[in-house]
Amino acid sequence: MTHLDGIVKAKTRRAKRFLQSREPKLTESLKNCMIIKGGNTSETLSQALKDVYALKKPNAVLYKKKNMVRPFEDSTALEFFSKKSDCSLFLFGSHNKKRPNNLIFGRMFDFHVLDMFELGVERCVSLKALKKDTCPVGTKPLLVFAGELFDTDREHQRLRSVLTDFFCGPRVSAVRLAGLEHVLHFTALEGRIYMRSYRVLLKKSGCRTPRVQLEDMGPSFDFSMRRSHMASDDLYRTAHKKPKGVKPKKKKNISHDAFGTRFGRLHMQKQNLDKLQTRKMKGLRKRKRRGEPAESVPPKTAKTDV
């Protein structure tokens, strides 16, 4: 690839395919996540990063080397890593005396930081500590958010949006019952955010619908809210703007009732019932009335051979 006046041109077919994969799309591809270690990390934090990476595989990139990055002071390094690895989500872990066991969840827009939230790990139960069966890699989790703060507080609402983007998994049109194997539960209460991970077990219930039982699978975290960086309302609306090709075309004169029944309205011209063609029968044939003049019928002309 060569750079010419700010435009990247491909020299080979492989480079051309690579540039096409990075071009904007009407339907965006699955969001990847990069997990980065800071300059100093504790054992608890390192295990927490590995556990989140286990939940996100295979749509995640784990950077094992330490990086001297301070996202709230300078996000240039994060934007560089985002462009290099083509990741729009990131998780950064750091540890110091002022902010111990620090996790930063964030997302990008056009390779620039859009939102990020700093959460402190107050308590952590890793996957190794529980030693339970885990879900297969790539399982789409069911997300549950409990607590009034997720509905009333603006900061928690934006955090819920970030966590949804981070853990939602691939977009699917339908989900079968047996595919609900993993549940992630987030609870906001008294300034704390509790994250729990459960494995769904379908037991026999004596009827067609199985009995659902949740088993603690791990990891489990108790977070405390610290700092946050939220995009402005204009930038947030720009990031969520949908292209015209994705928006469904509005169909006129179609409505639905409360039960989902579809109704359509047709517009027709006024009909002249006198000219309506009916079944041809002798009884329906028009007859002459008394006193009415007979219709003038043009005389038949004799055929002549030319």
Protein backbone atom coordinates (compact mmCIF):
# COMPACT_ATOMS: atom_id res chain seq x y z
CA MET A 1 0.00 0.00 0.00
CA THR A 2 1.19 3.52 -0.79
CA HIS A 3 0.15 6.91 0.58
CA LEU A 4 -0.51 9.64 -1.98
CA ASP A 5 -1.89 13.01 -0.80
CA GLY A 6 -3.58 11.37 2.18
CA ILE A 7 -5.15 8.61 0.06
CA VAL A 8 -4.11 5.01 0.60
CA LYS A 9 -3.78 3.03 -2.62
CA ALA A 10 -3.31 -0.73 -2.80
CA LYS A 11 -0.62 -2.32 -4.92
CA THR A 12 -1.69 -5.95 -4.53
CA ARG A 13 -5.03 -7.77 -4.44
CA ARG A 14 -4.48 -8.76 -0.84
CA ALA A 15 -4.00 -5.12 0.15
CA LYS A 16 -7.10 -4.18 -1.84
CA ARG A 17 -9.20 -6.77 0.02
CA PHE A 18 -7.78 -5.48 3.32
CA LEU A 19 -8.78 -1.88 2.51
CA GLN A 20 -12.24 -3.00 1.39
CA SER A 21 -12.75 -4.76 4.72
CA ARG A 22 -12.00 -1.46 6.52
CA GLU A 23 -14.40 0.60 4.40
CA PRO A 24 -17.72 1.80 5.91
CA LYS A 25 -20.57 -0.69 5.51
CA LEU A 26 -24.35 -0.35 5.57
CA THR A 27 -24.53 -3.23 8.05
CA GLU A 28 -21.54 -3.05 10.35
CA SER A 29 -19.62 -6.21 11.15
CA LEU A 30 -19.25 -7.69 14.63
CA LYS A 31 -17.45 -5.35 17.05
CA ASN A 32 -14.09 -6.61 18.26
CA CYS A 33 -12.55 -5.76 21.62
CA MET A 34 -8.96 -5.11 22.64
CA ILE A 35 -7.87 -5.85 26.21
CA ILE A 36 -4.80 -3.87 27.28
CA LYS A 37 -2.62 -3.96 30.40
CA GLY A 38 -1.38 -0.74 31.91
CA GLY A 39 2.10 0.05 33.17
CA ASN A 40 1.39 -1.54 36.55
CA THR A 41 -1.13 -4.32 37.24
CA SER A 42 -1.89 -6.45 40.27
CA GLU A 43 -2.53 -10.17 40.33
CA THR A 44 -6.26 -9.59 40.87
CA LEU A 45 -6.45 -7.24 37.91
CA SER A 46 -4.47 -9.57 35.62
CA GLN A 47 -6.85 -12.41 36.41
CA ALA A 48 -9.86 -10.14 35.84
CA LEU A 49 -8.57 -9.20 32.37
CA LYS A 50 -8.05 -12.88 31.50
CA ASP A 51 -11.58 -13.77 32.67
CA VAL A 52 -13.18 -11.02 30.57
CA TYR A 53 -11.08 -12.18 27.62
CA ALA A 54 -12.44 -15.71 28.15
CA LEU A 55 -15.99 -14.34 27.96
CA LYS A 56 -15.26 -12.32 24.80
CA LYS A 57 -13.36 -14.94 22.78
CA PRO A 58 -13.03 -15.22 19.80
CA ASN A 59 -13.96 -11.54 19.23
CA ALA A 60 -11.18 -10.09 21.38
CA VAL A 61 -7.47 -9.31 21.23
CA LEU A 62 -5.38 -9.62 24.42
CA TYR A 63 -2.23 -7.48 24.65
CA LYS A 64 0.12 -9.25 27.09
CA LYS A 65 2.79 -6.56 27.20
CA LYS A 66 2.48 -3.59 29.55
CA ASN A 67 1.66 -0.21 28.03
CA MET A 68 2.21 3.15 29.72
CA VAL A 69 -1.16 4.65 28.78
CA ARG A 70 -3.41 7.07 30.65
CA PRO A 71 -6.72 7.11 28.74
CA PHE A 72 -8.29 10.07 30.58
CA GLU A 73 -5.21 12.26 30.08
CA ASP A 74 -4.19 11.18 26.56
CA SER A 75 -6.12 8.67 24.43
CA THR A 76 -3.79 8.81 21.40
CA ALA A 77 -2.24 5.42 22.15
CA LEU A 78 -5.67 3.76 22.48
CA GLU A 79 -6.76 5.23 19.15
CA PHE A 80 -3.57 3.92 17.53
CA PHE A 81 -4.19 0.39 18.87
CA SER A 82 -7.82 0.61 17.77
CA LYS A 83 -6.87 1.44 14.19
CA LYS A 84 -4.12 -1.18 14.13
CA SER A 85 -6.29 -4.07 15.39
CA ASP A 86 -9.62 -2.80 13.92
CA CYS A 87 -11.32 -2.86 17.33
CA SER A 88 -14.12 -0.50 18.33
CA LEU A 89 -14.29 -1.64 21.99
CA PHE A 90 -11.55 -1.64 24.60
CA LEU A 91 -10.88 -2.70 28.19
CA PHE A 92 -7.89 -1.12 29.92
CA GLY A 93 -6.56 -2.30 33.27
CA SER A 94 -4.25 -0.37 35.60
CA HIS A 95 -3.26 -0.41 39.27
CA ASN A 96 -1.81 2.32 41.48
CA LYS A 97 -2.02 3.59 45.04
CA LYS A 98 -4.65 6.23 44.26
CA ARG A 99 -6.86 3.98 42.10
CA PRO A 100 -6.19 0.30 42.85
CA ASN A 101 -7.53 -2.46 40.59
CA ASN A 102 -8.83 -0.08 37.96
CA LEU A 103 -10.81 -1.20 34.86
CA ILE A 104 -11.84 1.17 32.07
CA PHE A 105 -14.61 0.05 29.70
CA GLY A 106 -14.87 2.13 26.53
CA ARG A 107 -15.88 2.27 22.88
CA MET A 108 -14.69 4.07 19.77
CA PHE A 109 -16.31 5.97 16.93
CA ASP A 110 -14.27 6.52 13.77
CA PHE A 111 -11.18 5.38 15.74
CA HIS A 112 -11.69 8.11 18.38
CA VAL A 113 -12.83 7.60 21.97
CA LEU A 114 -16.60 8.02 22.28
CA ASP A 115 -17.43 6.88 25.84
CA MET A 116 -15.38 5.35 28.64
CA PHE A 117 -16.10 4.52 32.27
CA GLU A 118 -13.62 3.83 35.04
CA LEU A 119 -14.70 1.09 37.46
CA GLY A 120 -12.85 -0.07 40.55
CA VAL A 121 -12.76 -3.80 41.28
CA GLU A 122 -13.79 -4.12 44.94
CA ARG A 123 -14.25 -7.90 44.84
CA CYS A 124 -13.41 -10.52 42.22
CA VAL A 125 -14.18 -14.24 41.99
CA SER A 126 -12.35 -15.72 39.01
CA LEU A 127 -13.19 -18.66 36.81
CA LYS A 128 -10.40 -20.71 38.36
CA ALA A 129 -11.73 -20.21 41.89
CA LEU A 130 -15.18 -21.65 41.07
CA LYS A 131 -13.95 -24.61 38.99
CA LYS A 132 -17.34 -25.09 37.31
CA ASP A 133 -18.26 -26.05 33.77
CA THR A 134 -18.24 -23.08 31.43
CA CYS A 135 -20.21 -22.31 28.28
CA PRO A 136 -18.72 -23.00 24.84
CA VAL A 137 -16.59 -20.27 23.28
CA GLY A 138 -18.62 -17.73 21.30
CA THR A 139 -21.91 -18.30 23.16
CA LYS A 140 -24.23 -15.28 22.93
CA PRO A 141 -25.11 -14.20 26.50
CA LEU A 142 -28.46 -12.99 27.77
CA LEU A 143 -28.00 -9.56 29.40
CA VAL A 144 -30.09 -8.53 32.41
CA PHE A 145 -29.88 -5.03 33.99
CA ALA A 146 -31.51 -4.53 37.39
CA GLY A 147 -31.76 -1.33 39.40
CA GLU A 148 -33.51 2.02 39.06
CA LEU A 149 -30.26 3.86 38.31
CA PHE A 150 -30.03 2.20 34.91
CA ASP A 151 -33.34 3.92 34.02
CA THR A 152 -33.12 7.24 35.84
CA ASP A 153 -29.45 8.31 36.02
CA ARG A 154 -27.88 9.56 32.76
CA GLU A 155 -24.40 8.24 33.62
CA HIS A 156 -25.70 4.75 34.41
CA GLN A 157 -27.83 4.77 31.25
CA ARG A 158 -24.73 5.44 29.14
CA LEU A 159 -22.81 2.78 31.09
CA ARG A 160 -25.57 0.28 30.33
CA SER A 161 -25.22 1.12 26.64
CA VAL A 162 -21.44 0.55 26.79
CA LEU A 163 -21.81 -2.78 28.62
CA THR A 164 -24.46 -3.87 26.13
CA ASP A 165 -22.13 -3.14 23.22
CA PHE A 166 -19.29 -4.88 25.03
CA PHE A 167 -21.01 -8.17 25.94
CA CYS A 168 -23.94 -8.49 23.49
CA GLY A 169 -22.16 -10.82 21.06
CA PRO A 170 -23.21 -11.39 17.43
CA ARG A 171 -26.50 -9.98 16.13
CA VAL A 172 -28.99 -12.77 15.34
CA SER A 173 -32.53 -12.77 13.96
CA ALA A 174 -33.84 -15.55 16.23
CA VAL A 175 -32.72 -17.52 19.29
CA ARG A 176 -33.69 -21.09 20.10
CA LEU A 177 -34.45 -22.10 23.67
CA ALA A 178 -31.51 -24.50 23.92
CA GLY A 179 -29.18 -21.67 22.80
CA LEU A 180 -29.78 -19.67 26.01
CA GLU A 181 -26.82 -21.08 27.93
CA HIS A 182 -25.23 -17.97 29.45
CA VAL A 183 -26.67 -15.09 31.51
CA LEU A 184 -24.83 -11.90 32.52
CA HIS A 185 -26.61 -10.04 35.31
CA PHE A 186 -25.77 -6.41 36.23
CA THR A 187 -27.22 -4.79 39.36
CA ALA A 188 -26.83 -1.10 40.24
CA LEU A 189 -27.30 -0.45 43.95
CA GLU A 190 -25.96 2.25 46.32
CA GLY A 191 -23.09 3.35 44.08
CA ARG A 192 -21.98 -0.20 43.34
CA ILE A 193 -22.40 -2.31 40.21
CA TYR A 194 -22.55 -6.06 40.73
CA MET A 195 -21.73 -8.28 37.76
CA ARG A 196 -22.64 -11.96 37.93
CA SER A 197 -22.22 -14.69 35.32
CA TYR A 198 -24.52 -17.72 35.32
CA ARG A 199 -24.79 -20.90 33.31
CA VAL A 200 -28.35 -21.86 32.33
CA LEU A 201 -29.42 -25.44 33.05
CA LEU A 202 -32.68 -26.77 31.57
CA LYS A 203 -34.14 -29.41 33.90
CA LYS A 204 -37.11 -31.72 33.46
CA SER A 205 -40.36 -30.21 34.69
CA GLY A 206 -42.96 -32.81 33.75
CA CYS A 207 -44.37 -30.66 30.96
CA ARG A 208 -43.22 -29.31 27.62
CA THR A 209 -41.56 -26.18 29.07
CA PRO A 210 -38.36 -27.09 30.98
CA ARG A 211 -37.48 -25.80 34.43
CA VAL A 212 -34.73 -23.19 34.31
CA GLN A 213 -31.96 -23.32 36.89
CA LEU A 214 -29.01 -20.89 37.14
CA GLU A 215 -25.57 -22.07 38.21
CA ASP A 216 -22.85 -19.59 39.19
CA MET A 217 -20.20 -19.98 36.50
CA GLY A 218 -17.99 -16.94 37.09
CA PRO A 219 -16.42 -14.54 36.90
CA SER A 220 -18.12 -12.30 39.48
CA PHE A 221 -17.21 -8.66 40.10
CA ASP A 222 -18.21 -5.91 42.51
CA PHE A 223 -17.48 -2.56 40.84
CA SER A 224 -17.47 0.98 42.19
CA MET A 225 -18.02 3.96 39.90
CA ARG A 226 -15.02 6.29 39.65
CA ARG A 227 -14.50 8.53 36.59
CA SER A 228 -16.36 8.77 33.30
CA HIS A 229 -15.96 10.41 29.92
CA MET A 230 -19.13 10.74 27.87
CA ALA A 231 -19.47 12.10 24.35
CA SER A 232 -21.48 15.24 23.70
CA ASP A 233 -25.09 14.91 22.59
CA ASP A 234 -24.27 15.98 19.01
CA LEU A 235 -21.43 13.46 18.67
CA TYR A 236 -23.55 10.75 20.29
CA ARG A 237 -26.36 11.33 17.79
CA THR A 238 -23.86 11.29 14.91
CA ALA A 239 -22.44 7.97 16.11
CA HIS A 240 -25.94 6.43 16.22
CA LYS A 241 -27.09 7.84 12.90
CA LYS A 242 -28.28 5.16 10.49
CA PRO A 243 -27.58 5.39 6.75
CA LYS A 244 -30.50 5.71 4.35
CA GLY A 245 -29.92 2.25 2.90
CA VAL A 246 -30.55 0.59 6.28
CA LYS A 247 -33.75 2.45 7.16
CA PRO A 248 -36.88 0.48 6.17
CA LYS A 249 -39.02 2.14 3.52
CA LYS A 250 -42.30 3.45 4.87
CA LYS A 251 -45.29 1.71 3.34
CA LYS A 252 -48.33 3.92 2.85
CA ASN A 253 -51.92 3.02 3.78
CA ILE A 254 -50.89 0.05 5.97
CA SER A 255 -51.79 -0.17 9.65
CA HIS A 256 -51.79 -2.77 12.42
CA ASP A 257 -54.18 -3.30 15.30
CA ALA A 258 -53.35 -4.26 18.88
CA PHE A 259 -53.17 -7.96 17.95
CA GLY A 260 -50.74 -7.42 15.10
CA THR A 261 -53.30 -7.92 12.32
CA ARG A 262 -52.29 -6.10 9.14
CA PHE A 263 -54.80 -3.83 7.42
CA GLY A 264 -54.45 -2.13 4.03
CA ARG A 265 -56.41 0.76 2.54
CA LEU A 266 -57.18 0.86 -1.19
CA HIS A 267 -58.14 4.02 -3.09
CA MET A 268 -60.41 3.39 -6.12
CA GLN A 269 -62.26 5.67 -8.52
CA LYS A 270 -66.03 6.04 -8.29
CA GLN A 271 -67.71 3.21 -10.20
CA ASN A 272 -70.61 3.64 -12.66
CA LEU A 273 -72.99 0.78 -11.84
CA ASP A 274 -75.02 1.36 -15.05
CA LYS A 275 -72.09 0.15 -17.12
CA LEU A 276 -71.35 -2.77 -14.86
CA GLN A 277 -71.01 -5.98 -16.89
CA THR A 278 -73.20 -8.75 -15.50
CA ARG A 279 -73.91 -12.27 -16.60
CA LYS A 280 -75.52 -12.43 -20.03
CA MET A 281 -79.00 -14.01 -19.69
CA LYS A 282 -82.22 -13.59 -21.65
CA GLY A 283 -84.06 -12.59 -18.51
CA LEU A 284 -81.63 -9.72 -17.87
CA ARG A 285 -81.76 -8.42 -21.46
CA LYS A 286 -83.20 -4.90 -21.81
CA ARG A 287 -86.60 -4.69 -23.53
CA LYS A 288 -88.27 -1.83 -25.39
CA ARG A 289 -90.94 0.09 -23.55
CA ARG A 290 -94.15 1.25 -25.17
CA GLY A 291 -93.94 4.68 -26.73
CA GLU A 292 -90.18 4.62 -27.03
CA PRO A 293 -88.80 5.10 -30.54
CA ALA A 294 -86.96 2.17 -31.95
CA GLU A 295 -83.22 2.51 -32.05
CA SER A 296 -81.99 3.37 -35.52
CA VAL A 297 -79.99 0.44 -36.81
CA PRO A 298 -77.75 1.15 -39.81
CA PRO A 299 -78.74 -0.95 -42.86
CA LYS A 300 -76.52 -3.85 -43.74
CA THR A 301 -74.56 -3.44 -46.92
CA ALA A 302 -74.17 -6.26 -49.33
CA LYS A 303 -70.73 -7.75 -49.67
CA THR A 304 -69.15 -7.42 -53.06
CA ASP A 305 -66.15 -9.18 -54.39
CA VAL A 306 -63.42 -6.90 -55.57
